[in-house]
Amino acid sequence: MTHPVCMVLGADSDIGRTIACRFGKERFDLYLTTRSLDRIDQDWSSKLKDDYRIKISWFHFEGLEFDSHMNFYQHLPQPPEVVICVFGYLGDQKKAEVDFTEALKITQSNYTSQVSILNIVAEDMEHRKKGVIIGVSSVAGDRGRKANYLYGSAKGAFTIYLSGLRNRLHKSGVHVITIKPGYIRTKMTQHLTTPRWLTARPGQLAEKVFDAYLRKTNTVYYFSRWRWIMWLIKGIPETLFKRLNL
């Protein structure tokens, strides 16, 4: 029996793993990518494979090695039906303000690298006239705040990119979904103090991603209350907003 294929770009992250589990549960074969094949949790991978009786293949993928992206995609065993882009880099805002190397890493890790690989995916799906692309962006991209405006600017650009891609691919039968989470309790954010009522677990986000896939939603805020929070934040006049300690 042939299963559809879901590729998770950034599957060795907390969010990537839980999303992979959710699609695996629905009998998707999985293409999972990592920056280092030495970091694969073989026990987790084997259990997932055995529990759901699916095929799992791991691939090395480095988002910042743009020249490798075309070769990576062309040498996949078969084109995936679903591609989920979840990799990124939070970075250090304070360091990036004075060190352009850090600023460049933040912007390229959270925007340019996604554009590079998803342009390739989009062209293939457009040709096949089917497929779903899911990009995990962030509410941080809705308005620039001094606490994280470099990360936020990259996520904002990614959100706009996904919107344009959705517009472009609609006529071809390819759907593009934008996921905009707020705080997620992961290794990347464990050093931050975040409000519990606004902080989700990776498993909760994975359920929302799969629900968006089933419903062919366009844009999802998670938690949904973030939509109204960001609506209020975006409505603050700039003359006042620039004075706030955000």
C-alpha atoms as a PDB file:
ATOM      1  CA  MET A   1       0.000   0.000   0.000  1.00  0.00           C
ATOM      2  CA  THR A   2       1.376   3.390  -1.008  1.00  0.00           C
ATOM      3  CA  HIS A   3       1.103   6.184   1.515  1.00  0.00           C
ATOM      4  CA  PRO A   4       1.274   9.912   0.770  1.00  0.00           C
ATOM      5  CA  VAL A   5       4.561  11.561   1.737  1.00  0.00           C
ATOM      6  CA  CYS A   6       4.955  14.449   4.161  1.00  0.00           C
ATOM      7  CA  MET A   7       8.330  16.195   4.330  1.00  0.00           C
ATOM      8  CA  VAL A   8       9.190  18.098   7.509  1.00  0.00           C
ATOM      9  CA  LEU A   9      12.046  20.545   7.068  1.00  0.00           C
ATOM     10  CA  GLY A  10      13.540  20.891  10.524  1.00  0.00           C
ATOM     11  CA  ALA A  11      12.268  17.597  11.942  1.00  0.00           C
ATOM     12  CA  ASP A  12      14.907  17.408  14.657  1.00  0.00           C
ATOM     13  CA  SER A  13      13.356  20.390  16.468  1.00  0.00           C
ATOM     14  CA  ASP A  14      10.749  19.969  19.204  1.00  0.00           C
ATOM     15  CA  ILE A  15       8.016  21.344  16.966  1.00  0.00           C
ATOM     16  CA  GLY A  16       9.214  19.397  13.931  1.00  0.00           C
ATOM     17  CA  ARG A  17       9.158  16.096  15.792  1.00  0.00           C
ATOM     18  CA  THR A  18       5.628  16.543  17.100  1.00  0.00           C
ATOM     19  CA  ILE A  19       4.333  17.586  13.680  1.00  0.00           C
ATOM     20  CA  ALA A  20       6.026  14.549  12.129  1.00  0.00           C
ATOM     21  CA  CYS A  21       4.335  12.336  14.732  1.00  0.00           C
ATOM     22  CA  ARG A  22       0.931  13.836  13.950  1.00  0.00           C
ATOM     23  CA  PHE A  23       1.205  13.227  10.213  1.00  0.00           C
ATOM     24  CA  GLY A  24       2.747   9.803  10.783  1.00  0.00           C
ATOM     25  CA  LYS A  25      -0.281   8.894  12.896  1.00  0.00           C
ATOM     26  CA  GLU A  26      -2.416   9.567   9.815  1.00  0.00           C
ATOM     27  CA  ARG A  27      -0.312   7.106   7.781  1.00  0.00           C
ATOM     28  CA  PHE A  28       1.875   9.553   5.926  1.00  0.00           C
ATOM     29  CA  ASP A  29       5.319   8.260   5.047  1.00  0.00           C
ATOM     30  CA  LEU A  30       7.825  10.793   6.328  1.00  0.00           C
ATOM     31  CA  TYR A  31      10.829  12.565   4.854  1.00  0.00           C
ATOM     32  CA  LEU A  32      12.553  14.195   7.805  1.00  0.00           C
ATOM     33  CA  THR A  33      15.445  16.601   7.560  1.00  0.00           C
ATOM     34  CA  THR A  34      18.181  17.529   9.980  1.00  0.00           C
ATOM     35  CA  ARG A  35      21.313  19.647   9.879  1.00  0.00           C
ATOM     36  CA  SER A  36      23.270  16.718  11.333  1.00  0.00           C
ATOM     37  CA  LEU A  37      22.448  13.068  10.750  1.00  0.00           C
ATOM     38  CA  ASP A  38      24.430  12.284  13.907  1.00  0.00           C
ATOM     39  CA  ARG A  39      21.691  13.990  15.950  1.00  0.00           C
ATOM     40  CA  ILE A  40      18.896  11.624  14.892  1.00  0.00           C
ATOM     41  CA  ASP A  41      17.068   9.965  17.771  1.00  0.00           C
ATOM     42  CA  GLN A  42      17.013   6.441  16.362  1.00  0.00           C
ATOM     43  CA  ASP A  43      14.818   5.065  19.166  1.00  0.00           C
ATOM     44  CA  TRP A  44      12.170   7.731  18.550  1.00  0.00           C
ATOM     45  CA  SER A  45      12.335   7.214  14.803  1.00  0.00           C
ATOM     46  CA  SER A  46      12.053   3.425  15.062  1.00  0.00           C
ATOM     47  CA  LYS A  47       9.129   3.630  17.466  1.00  0.00           C
ATOM     48  CA  LEU A  48       7.287   6.036  15.185  1.00  0.00           C
ATOM     49  CA  LYS A  49       7.885   3.735  12.230  1.00  0.00           C
ATOM     50  CA  ASP A  50       6.698   0.631  14.078  1.00  0.00           C
ATOM     51  CA  ASP A  51       3.698   2.236  15.792  1.00  0.00           C
ATOM     52  CA  TYR A  52       2.197   3.608  12.588  1.00  0.00           C
ATOM     53  CA  ARG A  53       3.656   1.136  10.065  1.00  0.00           C
ATOM     54  CA  ILE A  54       5.063   3.843   7.864  1.00  0.00           C
ATOM     55  CA  LYS A  55       8.336   4.508   6.090  1.00  0.00           C
ATOM     56  CA  ILE A  56      10.664   7.107   7.538  1.00  0.00           C
ATOM     57  CA  SER A  57      13.645   8.527   5.675  1.00  0.00           C
ATOM     58  CA  TRP A  58      16.126  11.030   7.121  1.00  0.00           C
ATOM     59  CA  PHE A  59      18.007  13.510   4.964  1.00  0.00           C
ATOM     60  CA  HIS A  60      20.701  16.048   5.626  1.00  0.00           C
ATOM     61  CA  PHE A  61      19.465  19.559   4.870  1.00  0.00           C
ATOM     62  CA  GLU A  62      21.190  22.814   5.727  1.00  0.00           C
ATOM     63  CA  GLY A  63      19.005  25.848   5.178  1.00  0.00           C
ATOM     64  CA  LEU A  64      21.933  28.239   4.828  1.00  0.00           C
ATOM     65  CA  GLU A  65      23.606  26.173   2.093  1.00  0.00           C
ATOM     66  CA  PHE A  66      21.439  27.616  -0.661  1.00  0.00           C
ATOM     67  CA  ASP A  67      23.365  26.035  -3.517  1.00  0.00           C
ATOM     68  CA  SER A  68      22.563  22.560  -2.178  1.00  0.00           C
ATOM     69  CA  HIS A  69      18.786  22.956  -2.119  1.00  0.00           C
ATOM     70  CA  MET A  70      18.021  22.036  -5.717  1.00  0.00           C
ATOM     71  CA  ASN A  71      20.172  18.908  -5.566  1.00  0.00           C
ATOM     72  CA  PHE A  72      18.585  17.934  -2.247  1.00  0.00           C
ATOM     73  CA  TYR A  73      15.053  18.170  -3.606  1.00  0.00           C
ATOM     74  CA  GLN A  74      15.740  16.539  -6.950  1.00  0.00           C
ATOM     75  CA  HIS A  75      17.254  13.473  -5.265  1.00  0.00           C
ATOM     76  CA  LEU A  76      14.309  12.739  -2.984  1.00  0.00           C
ATOM     77  CA  PRO A  77      12.896   9.242  -3.673  1.00  0.00           C
ATOM     78  CA  GLN A  78       9.583  10.779  -4.757  1.00  0.00           C
ATOM     79  CA  PRO A  79       7.988  14.234  -4.626  1.00  0.00           C
ATOM     80  CA  PRO A  80       6.174  14.859  -1.323  1.00  0.00           C
ATOM     81  CA  GLU A  81       2.482  15.672  -1.197  1.00  0.00           C
ATOM     82  CA  VAL A  82       2.933  17.892   1.867  1.00  0.00           C
ATOM     83  CA  VAL A  83       5.957  20.030   2.753  1.00  0.00           C
ATOM     84  CA  ILE A  84       6.149  21.635   6.186  1.00  0.00           C
ATOM     85  CA  CYS A  85       8.811  24.271   6.814  1.00  0.00           C
ATOM     86  CA  VAL A  86       9.493  24.598  10.528  1.00  0.00           C
ATOM     87  CA  PHE A  87      13.202  25.283  10.862  1.00  0.00           C
ATOM     88  CA  GLY A  88      14.517  28.610  12.103  1.00  0.00           C
ATOM     89  CA  TYR A  89      16.784  30.431  14.507  1.00  0.00           C
ATOM     90  CA  LEU A  90      15.694  32.730  17.329  1.00  0.00           C
ATOM     91  CA  GLY A  91      19.113  34.304  17.745  1.00  0.00           C
ATOM     92  CA  ASP A  92      20.283  37.030  20.099  1.00  0.00           C
ATOM     93  CA  GLN A  93      18.677  40.408  19.414  1.00  0.00           C
ATOM     94  CA  LYS A  94      21.152  42.395  21.504  1.00  0.00           C
ATOM     95  CA  LYS A  95      24.129  40.735  19.862  1.00  0.00           C
ATOM     96  CA  ALA A  96      22.641  41.219  16.406  1.00  0.00           C
ATOM     97  CA  GLU A  97      22.290  44.964  16.981  1.00  0.00           C
ATOM     98  CA  VAL A  98      26.079  45.315  17.064  1.00  0.00           C
ATOM     99  CA  ASP A  99      27.216  42.176  15.218  1.00  0.00           C
ATOM    100  CA  PHE A 100      26.016  41.924  11.638  1.00  0.00           C
ATOM    101  CA  THR A 101      27.069  38.274  11.445  1.00  0.00           C
ATOM    102  CA  GLU A 102      24.383  37.466  14.008  1.00  0.00           C
ATOM    103  CA  ALA A 103      21.856  39.717  12.266  1.00  0.00           C
ATOM    104  CA  LEU A 104      22.566  37.986   8.964  1.00  0.00           C
ATOM    105  CA  LYS A 105      22.183  34.545  10.527  1.00  0.00           C
ATOM    106  CA  ILE A 106      18.811  35.492  11.997  1.00  0.00           C
ATOM    107  CA  THR A 107      17.430  36.941   8.768  1.00  0.00           C
ATOM    108  CA  GLN A 108      18.793  34.206   6.509  1.00  0.00           C
ATOM    109  CA  SER A 109      17.775  31.370   8.835  1.00  0.00           C
ATOM    110  CA  ASN A 110      14.216  32.640   9.158  1.00  0.00           C
ATOM    111  CA  TYR A 111      13.538  33.997   5.690  1.00  0.00           C
ATOM    112  CA  THR A 112      16.038  33.626   2.855  1.00  0.00           C
ATOM    113  CA  SER A 113      16.614  29.927   3.456  1.00  0.00           C
ATOM    114  CA  GLN A 114      12.864  29.226   3.441  1.00  0.00           C
ATOM    115  CA  VAL A 115      12.413  31.162   0.209  1.00  0.00           C
ATOM    116  CA  SER A 116      15.241  29.203  -1.397  1.00  0.00           C
ATOM    117  CA  ILE A 117      13.819  25.730  -0.705  1.00  0.00           C
ATOM    118  CA  LEU A 118      10.117  26.609  -0.992  1.00  0.00           C
ATOM    119  CA  ASN A 119      10.626  28.223  -4.406  1.00  0.00           C
ATOM    120  CA  ILE A 120      11.885  24.829  -5.573  1.00  0.00           C
ATOM    121  CA  VAL A 121       9.007  22.982  -3.895  1.00  0.00           C
ATOM    122  CA  ALA A 122       6.462  25.438  -5.315  1.00  0.00           C
ATOM    123  CA  GLU A 123       7.686  25.034  -8.877  1.00  0.00           C
ATOM    124  CA  ASP A 124       7.421  21.255  -8.613  1.00  0.00           C
ATOM    125  CA  MET A 125       3.943  21.284  -7.062  1.00  0.00           C
ATOM    126  CA  GLU A 126       2.745  23.854  -9.578  1.00  0.00           C
ATOM    127  CA  HIS A 127       3.887  21.547 -12.365  1.00  0.00           C
ATOM    128  CA  ARG A 128       2.151  18.545 -10.741  1.00  0.00           C
ATOM    129  CA  LYS A 129      -0.917  20.696  -9.961  1.00  0.00           C
ATOM    130  CA  LYS A 130      -1.241  19.325  -6.447  1.00  0.00           C
ATOM    131  CA  GLY A 131       0.324  19.591  -3.031  1.00  0.00           C
ATOM    132  CA  VAL A 132       0.247  21.511   0.241  1.00  0.00           C
ATOM    133  CA  ILE A 133       2.945  23.810   1.614  1.00  0.00           C
ATOM    134  CA  ILE A 134       2.792  24.714   5.306  1.00  0.00           C
ATOM    135  CA  GLY A 135       5.062  27.435   6.634  1.00  0.00           C
ATOM    136  CA  VAL A 136       5.481  28.043  10.355  1.00  0.00           C
ATOM    137  CA  SER A 137       5.914  31.797  10.778  1.00  0.00           C
ATOM    138  CA  SER A 138       5.252  33.771  13.983  1.00  0.00           C
ATOM    139  CA  VAL A 139       3.107  36.491  15.497  1.00  0.00           C
ATOM    140  CA  ALA A 140       6.446  38.275  16.010  1.00  0.00           C
ATOM    141  CA  GLY A 141       6.227  39.240  12.346  1.00  0.00           C
ATOM    142  CA  ASP A 142       3.028  41.255  12.767  1.00  0.00           C
ATOM    143  CA  ARG A 143       4.751  44.330  14.190  1.00  0.00           C
ATOM    144  CA  GLY A 144       8.330  45.254  14.980  1.00  0.00           C
ATOM    145  CA  ARG A 145       9.210  45.408  18.681  1.00  0.00           C
ATOM    146  CA  LYS A 146      12.578  46.375  20.092  1.00  0.00           C
ATOM    147  CA  ALA A 147      12.857  43.075  21.972  1.00  0.00           C
ATOM    148  CA  ASN A 148      13.058  40.975  18.802  1.00  0.00           C
ATOM    149  CA  TYR A 149      12.680  43.120  15.690  1.00  0.00           C
ATOM    150  CA  LEU A 150      15.342  41.279  13.675  1.00  0.00           C
ATOM    151  CA  TYR A 151      13.691  37.912  14.212  1.00  0.00           C
ATOM    152  CA  GLY A 152      10.294  39.560  13.775  1.00  0.00           C
ATOM    153  CA  SER A 153      11.275  41.262  10.529  1.00  0.00           C
ATOM    154  CA  ALA A 154      12.350  37.932   9.039  1.00  0.00           C
ATOM    155  CA  LYS A 155       9.129  36.258  10.155  1.00  0.00           C
ATOM    156  CA  GLY A 156       7.109  39.176   8.800  1.00  0.00           C
ATOM    157  CA  ALA A 157       8.808  38.796   5.435  1.00  0.00           C
ATOM    158  CA  PHE A 158       8.135  35.044   5.526  1.00  0.00           C
ATOM    159  CA  THR A 159       4.443  35.665   6.219  1.00  0.00           C
ATOM    160  CA  ILE A 160       4.209  37.992   3.224  1.00  0.00           C
ATOM    161  CA  TYR A 161       6.095  35.486   1.070  1.00  0.00           C
ATOM    162  CA  LEU A 162       3.643  32.718   1.988  1.00  0.00           C
ATOM    163  CA  SER A 163       0.701  35.009   1.216  1.00  0.00           C
ATOM    164  CA  GLY A 164       2.068  35.757  -2.235  1.00  0.00           C
ATOM    165  CA  LEU A 165       2.876  32.102  -2.829  1.00  0.00           C
ATOM    166  CA  ARG A 166      -0.688  31.156  -1.872  1.00  0.00           C
ATOM    167  CA  ASN A 167      -1.999  33.697  -4.372  1.00  0.00           C
ATOM    168  CA  ARG A 168       0.305  32.404  -7.106  1.00  0.00           C
ATOM    169  CA  LEU A 169      -0.381  28.686  -6.607  1.00  0.00           C
ATOM    170  CA  HIS A 170      -4.144  28.778  -6.014  1.00  0.00           C
ATOM    171  CA  LYS A 171      -5.019  28.377  -9.676  1.00  0.00           C
ATOM    172  CA  SER A 172      -2.804  25.284  -9.870  1.00  0.00           C
ATOM    173  CA  GLY A 173      -4.623  23.469  -7.076  1.00  0.00           C
ATOM    174  CA  VAL A 174      -1.710  23.873  -4.651  1.00  0.00           C
ATOM    175  CA  HIS A 175      -2.580  25.189  -1.201  1.00  0.00           C
ATOM    176  CA  VAL A 176      -0.311  27.244   1.068  1.00  0.00           C
ATOM    177  CA  ILE A 177      -0.950  27.516   4.813  1.00  0.00           C
ATOM    178  CA  THR A 178       0.597  30.065   7.160  1.00  0.00           C
ATOM    179  CA  ILE A 179       0.875  29.051  10.813  1.00  0.00           C
ATOM    180  CA  LYS A 180       1.480  31.945  13.222  1.00  0.00           C
ATOM    181  CA  PRO A 181       2.187  30.670  16.720  1.00  0.00           C
ATOM    182  CA  GLY A 182       3.080  32.805  19.681  1.00  0.00           C
ATOM    183  CA  TYR A 183       5.197  31.432  22.491  1.00  0.00           C
ATOM    184  CA  ILE A 184       5.936  27.701  22.262  1.00  0.00           C
ATOM    185  CA  ARG A 185       7.691  25.876  25.073  1.00  0.00           C
ATOM    186  CA  THR A 186      10.716  24.374  23.304  1.00  0.00           C
ATOM    187  CA  LYS A 187      14.459  24.099  23.812  1.00  0.00           C
ATOM    188  CA  MET A 188      14.832  27.270  21.720  1.00  0.00           C
ATOM    189  CA  THR A 189      12.698  29.300  24.144  1.00  0.00           C
ATOM    190  CA  GLN A 190      13.418  27.583  27.476  1.00  0.00           C
ATOM    191  CA  HIS A 191      15.579  30.497  28.618  1.00  0.00           C
ATOM    192  CA  LEU A 192      12.668  32.932  28.217  1.00  0.00           C
ATOM    193  CA  THR A 193      10.011  33.751  30.800  1.00  0.00           C
ATOM    194  CA  THR A 194       6.683  33.644  28.967  1.00  0.00           C
ATOM    195  CA  PRO A 195       3.078  33.996  30.191  1.00  0.00           C
ATOM    196  CA  ARG A 196       1.557  30.558  30.747  1.00  0.00           C
ATOM    197  CA  TRP A 197      -1.816  31.510  29.231  1.00  0.00           C
ATOM    198  CA  LEU A 198      -0.069  32.435  25.968  1.00  0.00           C
ATOM    199  CA  THR A 199       2.475  29.610  25.859  1.00  0.00           C
ATOM    200  CA  ALA A 200       1.574  26.438  23.988  1.00  0.00           C
ATOM    201  CA  ARG A 201       3.174  23.010  23.916  1.00  0.00           C
ATOM    202  CA  PRO A 202       4.552  21.610  20.644  1.00  0.00           C
ATOM    203  CA  GLY A 203       1.916  18.862  20.652  1.00  0.00           C
ATOM    204  CA  GLN A 204      -0.885  21.420  20.758  1.00  0.00           C
ATOM    205  CA  LEU A 205       0.597  23.221  17.773  1.00  0.00           C
ATOM    206  CA  ALA A 206       0.982  19.946  15.861  1.00  0.00           C
ATOM    207  CA  GLU A 207      -2.742  19.256  16.269  1.00  0.00           C
ATOM    208  CA  LYS A 208      -3.537  22.731  14.951  1.00  0.00           C
ATOM    209  CA  VAL A 209      -1.231  22.241  11.960  1.00  0.00           C
ATOM    210  CA  PHE A 210      -2.913  18.984  11.008  1.00  0.00           C
ATOM    211  CA  ASP A 211      -6.367  20.514  11.456  1.00  0.00           C
ATOM    212  CA  ALA A 212      -5.334  23.383   9.153  1.00  0.00           C
ATOM    213  CA  TYR A 213      -4.159  20.807   6.600  1.00  0.00           C
ATOM    214  CA  LEU A 214      -7.516  19.017   6.683  1.00  0.00           C
ATOM    215  CA  ARG A 215      -9.525  22.226   6.467  1.00  0.00           C
ATOM    216  CA  LYS A 216      -7.233  23.890   3.903  1.00  0.00           C
ATOM    217  CA  THR A 217      -7.082  26.967   6.110  1.00  0.00           C
ATOM    218  CA  ASN A 218      -5.128  29.975   4.852  1.00  0.00           C
ATOM    219  CA  THR A 219      -3.733  31.545   8.035  1.00  0.00           C
ATOM    220  CA  VAL A 220      -3.854  30.157  11.554  1.00  0.00           C
ATOM    221  CA  TYR A 221      -2.986  32.011  14.746  1.00  0.00           C
ATOM    222  CA  TYR A 222      -2.164  29.711  17.644  1.00  0.00           C
ATOM    223  CA  PHE A 223      -3.481  30.289  20.216  1.00  0.00           C
ATOM    224  CA  SER A 224      -6.427  31.929  18.426  1.00  0.00           C
ATOM    225  CA  ARG A 225      -6.378  34.723  21.027  1.00  0.00           C
ATOM    226  CA  TRP A 226      -3.149  35.907  19.422  1.00  0.00           C
ATOM    227  CA  ARG A 227      -5.170  37.166  16.444  1.00  0.00           C
ATOM    228  CA  TRP A 228      -6.945  39.679  18.683  1.00  0.00           C
ATOM    229  CA  ILE A 229      -3.849  40.534  20.680  1.00  0.00           C
ATOM    230  CA  MET A 230      -1.930  41.348  17.520  1.00  0.00           C
ATOM    231  CA  TRP A 231      -4.906  43.234  16.105  1.00  0.00           C
ATOM    232  CA  LEU A 232      -4.770  45.487  19.160  1.00  0.00           C
ATOM    233  CA  ILE A 233      -0.990  45.851  19.019  1.00  0.00           C
ATOM    234  CA  LYS A 234      -1.059  46.741  15.329  1.00  0.00           C
ATOM    235  CA  GLY A 235      -3.727  49.335  16.052  1.00  0.00           C
ATOM    236  CA  ILE A 236      -1.564  51.341  18.462  1.00  0.00           C
ATOM    237  CA  PRO A 237      -0.462  54.595  16.759  1.00  0.00           C
ATOM    238  CA  GLU A 238       3.250  54.712  16.012  1.00  0.00           C
ATOM    239  CA  THR A 239       3.694  57.908  18.023  1.00  0.00           C
ATOM    240  CA  LEU A 240       2.605  55.981  21.124  1.00  0.00           C
ATOM    241  CA  PHE A 241       3.961  52.554  20.170  1.00  0.00           C
ATOM    242  CA  LYS A 242       7.553  53.754  19.890  1.00  0.00           C
ATOM    243  CA  ARG A 243       7.417  54.849  23.532  1.00  0.00           C
ATOM    244  CA  LEU A 244       6.298  51.435  24.833  1.00  0.00           C
ATOM    245  CA  ASN A 245       8.696  48.983  26.407  1.00  0.00           C
ATOM    246  CA  LEU A 246       7.919  46.034  24.160  1.00  0.00           C
END
